[in-house]
Each structure stands twice: as structure tokens, then as C-alpha cells.
Amino acid sequence: MQHVIVKTSGSRSVLRQTIQAMGGHIDIEYENVSAVAATVPVRVALALRAVTDFKIIKDVQITLPKPPSLRGRPALAQVDETGAQVVDLSDAIGKTPGSPADFAFNNTIIRANVLQNAGDLGQGVAVGVIDTGVANNPAKVQSLAGSVIGGESFLPNDPVKSATSTKNDFHGTWVGSMIAGHAIFFFSKAGCTGPSVQFNSPNSVVDGAIFNLPGTLGVPMIGVAPAAKLYAFKVFSSAGGGTPTSVVIAAMDRALTIKKNFLAGKPSVPVSGSGTEDDPFVFDSLNLQVLNLSLAGPEIFAGRGMDDIISNELTNAGIVVSISAGNAGPSGASIGSPGSGLNALTMGSTLTPTHDRILQDI
């Protein structure tokens, strides 16, 4: 058996009926593009290629980026978490620099700091995050308190059903914090993290005594749009590993439907859920203005894959599609899909000497 995505230039119902008549099984039927994801015998996949109206694409696995090793040790670690205290950014007005030099280096490079210092913090903007899920638990993820408005999962067999559970992989929550984080983390002066940031970037920390937290150093963690709201699309299993391209496309397709419903005047109110970590609100209509995908899969025909094509449709509906370039390069096929879409805003990455030194200290 082979997992494929089949696009047609003709009727979607004919596409579905043809695959089923040939012994295939329809796994996903997309709403906004004439295509399906299907499981078919290899002989059927070969036969489908002969149909003039059909385009067959192999349903490849997309993987999450993994942190690199540092001197033979995993770079991912719990850093001074015990005893760390968190203060919401709203409690820090007038007590911290406008643009903290350390964490805001991302915002400075892309000039988001200009907007932030002018008071444009993403107010009224809804951002969809296609990832592992984004945790909605202010007691555990204080930097996103009040930011996550809901979400939905595209993995019906995952034991963790919620797209906003803290039991999901951390990656989507990290991504959410890069988008909308709004907190100051206070670390002990006797630890490593706070003193390292102070030594390498002294303008990046605030003394905890100002916040009645003597003996600590505060590190602001400010996202690009700290006032934005996040809606989670969970496409990666809580058990780890990759996910099929077809599932990512299903989440992109759903985001497009939600946006189209908003444009058609459908009210933006929850249709299910209680808004808790394990039972998030689900919306059928939202004014999604940004869709973030910090993931990438292999792509030979750049701009022509199904996820590339639907990224163009999202852009046409008024959604900025922000996608990671991937972790390949610098040879041919360096940019992964769907970042290879013709209208995608595709992001590379960077590292400053300051952050490299802090990482090595830790």
C-alpha cells in the first residue's frame, strides 16, 4: 500500500469515485482544493498516474527540527527552571527598557521593534500555529497567559486529544512564545542563566529588587506580537516523530475555511469546547491574519506541491503564511515545502555571538 495525495483538474466526486472503484481508500478529502489524500495499492498508484486529469504526489513525512548537540551534549535542557519566577509584561510598564537588547534581537533584525516601540503589539490579530499544539495553561506557561484562544487536533488516534495540552511536544509552545510571549523570567543571581545574560548583554536584564524579588535577575521574553491571539492546529503526535504532508495540508485547508467563513460574515464565536487546557474552544470563523508553520518537508518540484498550492490560496484570502525554510542547504532543494510556495513568507535563521556565548555558558 502507498499513501498519496491526488489532485484533479476535473470533478472531485469523480476523483473520489475513481480511487474507491480501483480499491483505494480516501483518508482525507480537502474542502478548498480539488484533491484527496488516499491509501492505495502500488499498482493503483501507477494506474492513477495514467489518468490525464490527475496529479499524483507521494505523501511524505514532515519532521520537526531537532536542537543541535553542543560539545557532544544535547542542547535542549531544563535551565534553572526550579525557583524561577515569572511576571507578566503588563506589570513591567515603566520598569524595563523599551527593547530589551537580548531577547529582542529577533525583533530588531526584522525591525518589529520599530512597531513595538510605536505601540503596535499585534492587538486584534489572530495567528494560526500549525505545529505540535500550543499549551494553554497559565500556571505552567505563564509567558502565554491569555494568548491562546483555542485550537483543534488533526490526529484522531493520538492519546492526547487537545491541541492546547501541556502533554504535547514543547515545540509548538516555543513557537507560540516567539510569536506572542509577554513575560519576564526571574532567575537566581547564584544560578547560571541570569548572570550569563547579564555578563554577555548587560542591558538585557532587570534587577529583581524593582519587582520585590531581591537576589534575582529578570530576563524579558517578548514575542514579535505580544498582544496577538493564538489558535493552535495540532498536526504532530504527542508521542513524537513526524507527520504526513497530507495532515499538514488538512490543517492549512481548515485554516482557509475558518478565514473564508469570517469573510462571509459568520460570527467568530466558539462552536464547542470549554476553553480549558484539555477542552479548548473550537471556532468555525476567525479573522486569521497570519498562519505560522515552523516545519518543512522535502520538495523536488518547488511551488507545485499541494501544500505549496494551498499556501497561495491562503495568501489570496488575506492570510500571511509564514514558514520556516527548513534545515537543509546550501545545495539544491535547500528550501523545504511548504516554504517553497510562490507566495509564502519563508524564514531562515540567525545566531548572534551574544546568544552563542550564553548557550555555551549554560
Protein backbone atom coordinates (compact mmCIF):
# COMPACT_ATOMS: atom_id res chain seq x y z
CA MET A 1 0.00 0.00 0.00
CA GLN A 2 1.10 3.55 -0.69
CA HIS A 3 0.00 6.89 0.80
CA VAL A 4 -0.59 9.50 -1.90
CA ILE A 5 -2.16 12.90 -2.45
CA VAL A 6 -4.16 13.09 -5.66
CA LYS A 7 -5.14 16.41 -7.23
CA THR A 8 -7.58 16.68 -10.13
CA SER A 9 -8.28 19.38 -12.66
CA GLY A 10 -11.77 17.94 -13.02
CA SER A 11 -14.52 16.83 -10.65
CA ARG A 12 -13.64 15.97 -7.06
CA SER A 13 -16.51 13.46 -6.89
CA VAL A 14 -15.14 11.67 -9.98
CA LEU A 15 -11.70 11.63 -8.34
CA ARG A 16 -13.12 10.08 -5.18
CA GLN A 17 -15.21 7.51 -7.04
CA THR A 18 -12.30 6.52 -9.30
CA ILE A 19 -9.96 5.85 -6.38
CA GLN A 20 -12.57 3.84 -4.49
CA ALA A 21 -13.52 1.83 -7.59
CA MET A 22 -9.86 0.87 -8.05
CA GLY A 23 -9.57 -0.45 -4.49
CA GLY A 24 -8.18 2.64 -2.79
CA HIS A 25 -9.30 4.27 0.48
CA ILE A 26 -9.95 8.01 0.89
CA ASP A 27 -8.21 9.25 4.06
CA ILE A 28 -8.80 13.00 3.77
CA GLU A 29 -11.00 14.99 1.40
CA TYR A 30 -9.95 18.63 1.23
CA GLU A 31 -12.52 21.39 1.15
CA ASN A 32 -10.79 24.24 -0.66
CA VAL A 33 -8.77 22.38 -3.30
CA SER A 34 -9.83 19.56 -5.62
CA ALA A 35 -7.68 16.91 -4.01
CA VAL A 36 -7.76 13.97 -1.60
CA ALA A 37 -5.28 12.02 0.48
CA ALA A 38 -5.64 8.29 -0.13
CA THR A 39 -4.15 4.90 0.64
CA VAL A 40 -3.90 2.74 -2.47
CA PRO A 41 -2.13 -0.43 -3.64
CA VAL A 42 1.06 0.36 -5.56
CA ARG A 43 -0.49 -0.95 -8.79
CA VAL A 44 -3.35 1.53 -8.34
CA ALA A 45 -0.94 4.40 -7.78
CA LEU A 46 0.70 3.53 -11.08
CA ALA A 47 -2.70 3.32 -12.82
CA LEU A 48 -3.77 6.70 -11.41
CA ARG A 49 -0.71 8.32 -12.97
CA ALA A 50 -2.12 7.42 -16.38
CA VAL A 51 -5.29 9.48 -15.79
CA THR A 52 -4.86 12.79 -17.60
CA ASP A 53 -6.81 14.90 -15.09
CA PHE A 54 -4.96 13.52 -12.05
CA LYS A 55 -1.69 14.58 -10.47
CA ILE A 56 -0.21 12.08 -8.01
CA ILE A 57 2.06 13.26 -5.19
CA LYS A 58 3.66 10.90 -2.67
CA ASP A 59 2.55 11.68 0.88
CA VAL A 60 5.97 12.17 2.54
CA GLN A 61 6.75 12.59 6.23
CA ILE A 62 7.47 16.03 7.64
CA THR A 63 9.70 16.16 10.72
CA LEU A 64 10.24 18.74 13.41
CA PRO A 65 13.67 20.37 13.65
CA LYS A 66 15.78 18.99 16.49
CA PRO A 67 18.11 21.15 18.59
CA PRO A 68 21.75 20.52 17.70
CA SER A 69 24.26 18.95 20.04
CA LEU A 70 26.68 21.20 21.87
CA ARG A 71 30.06 19.64 22.60
CA GLY A 72 28.50 16.21 22.40
CA ARG A 73 25.64 17.02 24.80
CA PRO A 74 22.01 17.76 23.90
CA ALA A 75 21.41 21.49 23.69
CA LEU A 76 17.88 21.01 24.98
CA ALA A 77 17.82 21.08 28.78
CA GLN A 78 15.85 22.44 31.68
CA VAL A 79 17.68 25.65 32.51
CA ASP A 80 17.43 26.98 36.05
CA GLU A 81 13.71 26.22 36.00
CA THR A 82 13.49 25.39 39.68
CA GLY A 83 12.63 28.50 41.62
CA ALA A 84 12.28 30.74 38.54
CA GLN A 85 9.54 33.34 38.93
CA VAL A 86 7.53 34.99 36.18
CA VAL A 87 5.98 38.45 35.94
CA ASP A 88 3.53 39.39 33.19
CA LEU A 89 4.79 42.13 30.92
CA SER A 90 1.86 44.36 31.82
CA ASP A 91 3.29 44.58 35.35
CA ALA A 92 6.61 45.81 33.99
CA ILE A 93 5.50 49.04 32.30
CA GLY A 94 7.99 51.79 33.08
CA LYS A 95 10.39 49.40 34.80
CA THR A 96 12.22 47.91 31.81
CA PRO A 97 13.87 49.18 28.61
CA GLY A 98 11.58 49.58 25.62
CA SER A 99 13.50 46.98 23.62
CA PRO A 100 15.49 44.57 25.80
CA ALA A 101 18.76 44.03 23.96
CA ASP A 102 18.95 40.27 24.41
CA PHE A 103 15.67 38.55 23.61
CA ALA A 104 14.56 41.34 21.27
CA PHE A 105 17.45 40.68 18.87
CA ASN A 106 14.99 38.74 16.69
CA ASN A 107 12.56 41.62 16.75
CA THR A 108 15.36 44.09 15.98
CA ILE A 109 16.69 42.16 12.98
CA ILE A 110 13.25 42.08 11.35
CA ARG A 111 12.50 45.62 12.61
CA ALA A 112 9.49 44.53 14.62
CA ASN A 113 10.93 46.63 17.44
CA VAL A 114 10.05 49.78 15.49
CA LEU A 115 6.39 48.76 15.55
CA GLN A 116 6.57 47.61 19.16
CA ASN A 117 8.04 50.89 20.37
CA ALA A 118 5.25 52.71 18.48
CA GLY A 119 2.69 50.69 20.44
CA ASP A 120 1.77 48.18 17.70
CA LEU A 121 1.96 44.87 19.55
CA GLY A 122 -0.38 42.79 17.41
CA GLN A 123 -3.59 43.94 19.06
CA GLY A 124 -6.62 42.34 17.43
CA VAL A 125 -4.54 39.93 15.32
CA ALA A 126 -5.29 36.19 15.33
CA VAL A 127 -2.38 33.89 14.41
CA GLY A 128 -2.86 30.25 13.48
CA VAL A 129 0.01 27.97 14.56
CA ILE A 130 0.32 24.65 12.70
CA ASP A 131 2.61 22.61 14.91
CA THR A 132 2.57 20.24 17.90
CA GLY A 133 -0.10 22.33 19.63
CA VAL A 134 0.24 25.43 21.81
CA ALA A 135 -0.19 24.97 25.56
CA ASN A 136 -2.95 26.93 27.27
CA ASN A 137 -2.17 26.64 30.97
CA PRO A 138 -1.19 29.94 32.62
CA ALA A 139 0.10 28.12 35.70
CA LYS A 140 2.70 26.25 33.64
CA VAL A 141 3.22 28.52 30.61
CA GLN A 142 2.97 31.98 32.08
CA SER A 143 4.51 33.68 29.05
CA LEU A 144 1.37 32.85 27.02
CA ALA A 145 -1.25 33.55 29.69
CA GLY A 146 -4.37 34.84 27.92
CA SER A 147 -2.87 34.41 24.44
CA VAL A 148 -4.21 31.00 23.36
CA ILE A 149 -7.88 31.29 22.37
CA GLY A 150 -8.42 27.69 21.23
CA GLY A 151 -7.38 25.02 18.80
CA GLU A 152 -8.09 21.70 17.17
CA SER A 153 -6.25 18.45 16.52
CA PHE A 154 -5.92 16.62 13.20
CA LEU A 155 -4.76 13.37 14.82
CA PRO A 156 -7.86 11.45 15.94
CA ASN A 157 -5.82 8.49 17.20
CA ASP A 158 -3.44 10.48 19.40
CA PRO A 159 -3.97 9.73 23.11
CA VAL A 160 -3.66 13.46 23.82
CA LYS A 161 -6.77 14.84 22.15
CA SER A 162 -6.31 18.51 22.97
CA ALA A 163 -4.33 20.93 20.79
CA THR A 164 -3.69 23.11 23.85
CA SER A 165 -2.47 20.44 26.29
CA THR A 166 0.86 20.69 28.10
CA LYS A 167 1.25 16.96 27.38
CA ASN A 168 2.00 17.71 23.72
CA ASP A 169 5.55 18.18 22.46
CA PHE A 170 7.00 21.56 23.52
CA HIS A 171 7.85 22.77 20.00
CA GLY A 172 4.55 24.48 19.22
CA THR A 173 4.53 26.22 22.59
CA TRP A 174 8.05 27.53 21.97
CA VAL A 175 6.89 28.81 18.59
CA GLY A 176 3.86 30.42 20.23
CA SER A 177 6.16 32.17 22.71
CA MET A 178 8.30 33.53 19.86
CA ILE A 179 5.11 34.98 18.40
CA ALA A 180 3.23 36.26 21.45
CA GLY A 181 5.35 35.80 24.59
CA HIS A 182 4.85 38.54 27.17
CA ALA A 183 6.67 37.85 30.42
CA ILE A 184 9.83 38.43 32.41
CA PHE A 185 11.57 35.37 33.85
CA PHE A 186 13.50 35.95 37.08
CA PHE A 187 16.50 33.72 37.75
CA SER A 188 18.63 33.46 40.87
CA LYS A 189 21.81 35.52 40.87
CA ALA A 190 23.51 32.37 42.16
CA GLY A 191 22.49 30.35 39.08
CA CYS A 192 23.85 30.36 35.54
CA THR A 193 21.23 31.79 33.20
CA GLY A 194 20.67 35.25 34.70
CA PRO A 195 24.35 36.02 35.38
CA SER A 196 25.35 34.76 31.92
CA VAL A 197 22.86 37.06 30.22
CA GLN A 198 23.98 39.94 32.44
CA PHE A 199 27.65 39.33 31.63
CA ASN A 200 27.19 38.97 27.87
CA SER A 201 24.40 41.50 27.40
CA PRO A 202 24.06 43.72 30.47
CA ASN A 203 21.26 45.85 29.00
CA SER A 204 19.09 42.75 28.68
CA VAL A 205 18.36 42.15 32.36
CA VAL A 206 16.49 43.96 35.10
CA ASP A 207 17.20 43.67 38.80
CA GLY A 208 14.56 41.67 40.61
CA ALA A 209 14.62 44.08 43.55
CA ILE A 210 12.50 46.50 41.47
CA PHE A 211 9.79 43.81 41.49
CA ASN A 212 10.28 42.87 45.15
CA LEU A 213 12.28 39.81 44.09
CA PRO A 214 15.71 40.51 45.63
CA GLY A 215 18.55 38.18 44.69
CA THR A 216 17.20 37.62 41.16
CA LEU A 217 17.82 38.89 37.65
CA GLY A 218 14.93 39.29 35.20
CA VAL A 219 15.18 38.35 31.51
CA PRO A 220 12.32 39.75 29.37
CA MET A 221 10.86 37.22 26.93
CA ILE A 222 8.96 39.27 24.37
CA GLY A 223 7.40 37.86 21.20
CA VAL A 224 7.12 39.63 17.87
CA ALA A 225 3.45 40.39 18.56
CA PRO A 226 2.92 40.02 22.33
CA ALA A 227 -0.71 41.17 22.18
CA ALA A 228 -1.74 38.74 19.40
CA LYS A 229 -4.05 35.77 19.99
CA LEU A 230 -3.07 32.23 19.01
CA TYR A 231 -5.16 29.41 17.55
CA ALA A 232 -3.49 26.00 17.58
CA PHE A 233 -3.65 23.44 14.76
CA LYS A 234 -2.10 20.24 16.11
CA VAL A 235 -0.54 18.08 13.38
CA PHE A 236 2.26 16.26 15.26
CA SER A 237 1.71 13.37 17.66
CA SER A 238 2.32 13.79 21.36
CA ALA A 239 4.50 10.68 21.12
CA GLY A 240 6.97 12.48 18.84
CA GLY A 241 8.10 11.69 15.32
CA GLY A 242 6.98 13.11 12.00
CA THR A 243 3.63 13.64 10.39
CA PRO A 244 2.35 13.11 6.83
CA THR A 245 2.24 16.07 4.47
CA SER A 246 -1.46 15.28 3.97
CA VAL A 247 -2.19 16.13 7.62
CA VAL A 248 -0.37 19.46 7.39
CA ILE A 249 -2.38 20.25 4.24
CA ALA A 250 -5.58 19.35 6.13
CA ALA A 251 -4.71 21.93 8.79
CA MET A 252 -3.93 24.55 6.13
CA ASP A 253 -7.22 23.70 4.41
CA ARG A 254 -9.09 24.12 7.69
CA ALA A 255 -7.43 27.49 8.36
CA LEU A 256 -8.59 28.65 4.93
CA THR A 257 -12.16 27.53 5.66
CA ILE A 258 -12.16 29.38 9.00
CA LYS A 259 -10.97 32.56 7.26
CA LYS A 260 -13.50 32.22 4.43
CA ASN A 261 -16.30 31.77 6.96
CA PHE A 262 -15.22 35.02 8.65
CA LEU A 263 -15.14 36.86 5.33
CA ALA A 264 -18.64 35.54 4.62
CA GLY A 265 -19.90 37.12 7.84
CA LYS A 266 -20.13 34.05 10.06
CA PRO A 267 -19.86 35.06 13.76
CA SER A 268 -16.50 34.41 15.46
CA VAL A 269 -17.82 32.54 18.46
CA PRO A 270 -16.80 29.13 19.84
CA VAL A 271 -18.83 26.23 18.45
CA SER A 272 -17.54 23.72 21.02
CA GLY A 273 -15.20 23.36 23.98
CA SER A 274 -14.98 24.97 27.40
CA GLY A 275 -11.73 26.88 26.87
CA THR A 276 -9.66 24.78 29.25
CA GLU A 277 -6.30 23.16 28.56
CA ASP A 278 -7.84 19.77 27.80
CA ASP A 279 -11.03 21.06 26.15
CA PRO A 280 -10.14 24.07 24.00
CA PHE A 281 -12.58 26.34 22.27
CA VAL A 282 -13.10 25.43 18.61
CA PHE A 283 -14.02 28.17 16.13
CA ASP A 284 -15.56 27.88 12.67
CA SER A 285 -14.91 31.57 11.95
CA LEU A 286 -11.87 33.68 12.83
CA ASN A 287 -10.13 36.61 11.21
CA LEU A 288 -6.87 34.71 10.87
CA GLN A 289 -4.31 37.17 9.53
CA VAL A 290 -1.17 35.06 9.94
CA LEU A 291 -0.53 31.32 9.67
CA ASN A 292 2.77 30.06 11.07
CA LEU A 293 4.38 26.75 10.07
CA SER A 294 7.77 26.15 11.70
CA LEU A 295 8.24 22.91 9.79
CA ALA A 296 9.41 21.73 6.40
CA GLY A 297 9.40 18.62 4.25
CA PRO A 298 11.25 17.56 1.12
CA GLU A 299 10.13 19.12 -2.14
CA ILE A 300 11.51 18.36 -5.61
CA PHE A 301 9.05 20.47 -7.63
CA ALA A 302 9.16 23.76 -5.75
CA GLY A 303 5.95 25.74 -5.90
CA ARG A 304 3.95 22.84 -7.34
CA GLY A 305 3.27 20.62 -4.31
CA MET A 306 -0.21 20.56 -2.80
CA ASP A 307 0.92 22.38 0.34
CA ASP A 308 2.64 24.99 -1.84
CA ILE A 309 -0.55 25.43 -3.85
CA ILE A 310 -2.79 25.84 -0.82
CA SER A 311 -0.37 28.36 0.69
CA ASN A 312 -1.10 30.51 -2.37
CA GLU A 313 -4.85 30.19 -1.71
CA LEU A 314 -4.32 31.25 1.91
CA THR A 315 -2.46 34.34 0.74
CA ASN A 316 -5.26 35.17 -1.67
CA ALA A 317 -7.70 35.04 1.27
CA GLY A 318 -5.68 37.64 3.19
CA ILE A 319 -3.54 35.40 5.38
CA VAL A 320 0.22 35.95 5.57
CA VAL A 321 1.74 32.45 5.52
CA SER A 322 4.99 32.46 7.49
CA ILE A 323 7.01 29.26 7.04
CA SER A 324 10.47 28.07 8.05
CA ALA A 325 12.95 27.49 5.24
CA GLY A 326 13.91 24.11 6.71
CA ASN A 327 17.19 22.73 7.96
CA ALA A 328 18.83 21.70 4.69
CA GLY A 329 21.21 23.59 2.42
CA PRO A 330 23.07 25.26 0.93
CA SER A 331 22.78 22.95 -2.09
CA GLY A 332 19.80 22.47 -4.42
CA ALA A 333 16.38 21.81 -2.86
CA SER A 334 17.55 23.63 0.27
CA ILE A 335 14.17 25.20 1.00
CA GLY A 336 11.57 22.72 2.19
CA SER A 337 7.87 22.62 1.42
CA PRO A 338 5.53 24.45 2.01
CA GLY A 339 8.12 27.23 2.32
CA SER A 340 8.81 26.66 -1.37
CA GLY A 341 5.36 28.03 -2.22
CA LEU A 342 5.46 31.02 -4.54
CA ASN A 343 3.62 33.35 -2.14
CA ALA A 344 4.98 32.07 1.18
CA LEU A 345 6.98 34.32 3.50
CA THR A 346 9.88 31.91 4.05
CA MET A 347 12.20 32.43 7.00
CA GLY A 348 15.82 31.49 7.54
CA SER A 349 17.51 31.67 10.93
CA THR A 350 20.38 33.53 12.51
CA LEU A 351 22.57 33.47 15.59
CA THR A 352 24.45 36.32 17.29
CA PRO A 353 27.74 35.92 19.18
CA THR A 354 25.96 37.01 22.38
CA HIS A 355 23.48 34.17 22.21
CA ASP A 356 26.13 31.66 21.24
CA ARG A 357 28.12 32.58 24.35
CA ILE A 358 25.07 32.35 26.62
CA LEU A 359 24.21 28.93 25.18
CA GLN A 360 27.76 27.71 25.76
CA ASP A 361 27.76 29.08 29.33
CA ILE A 362 24.60 27.15 30.09
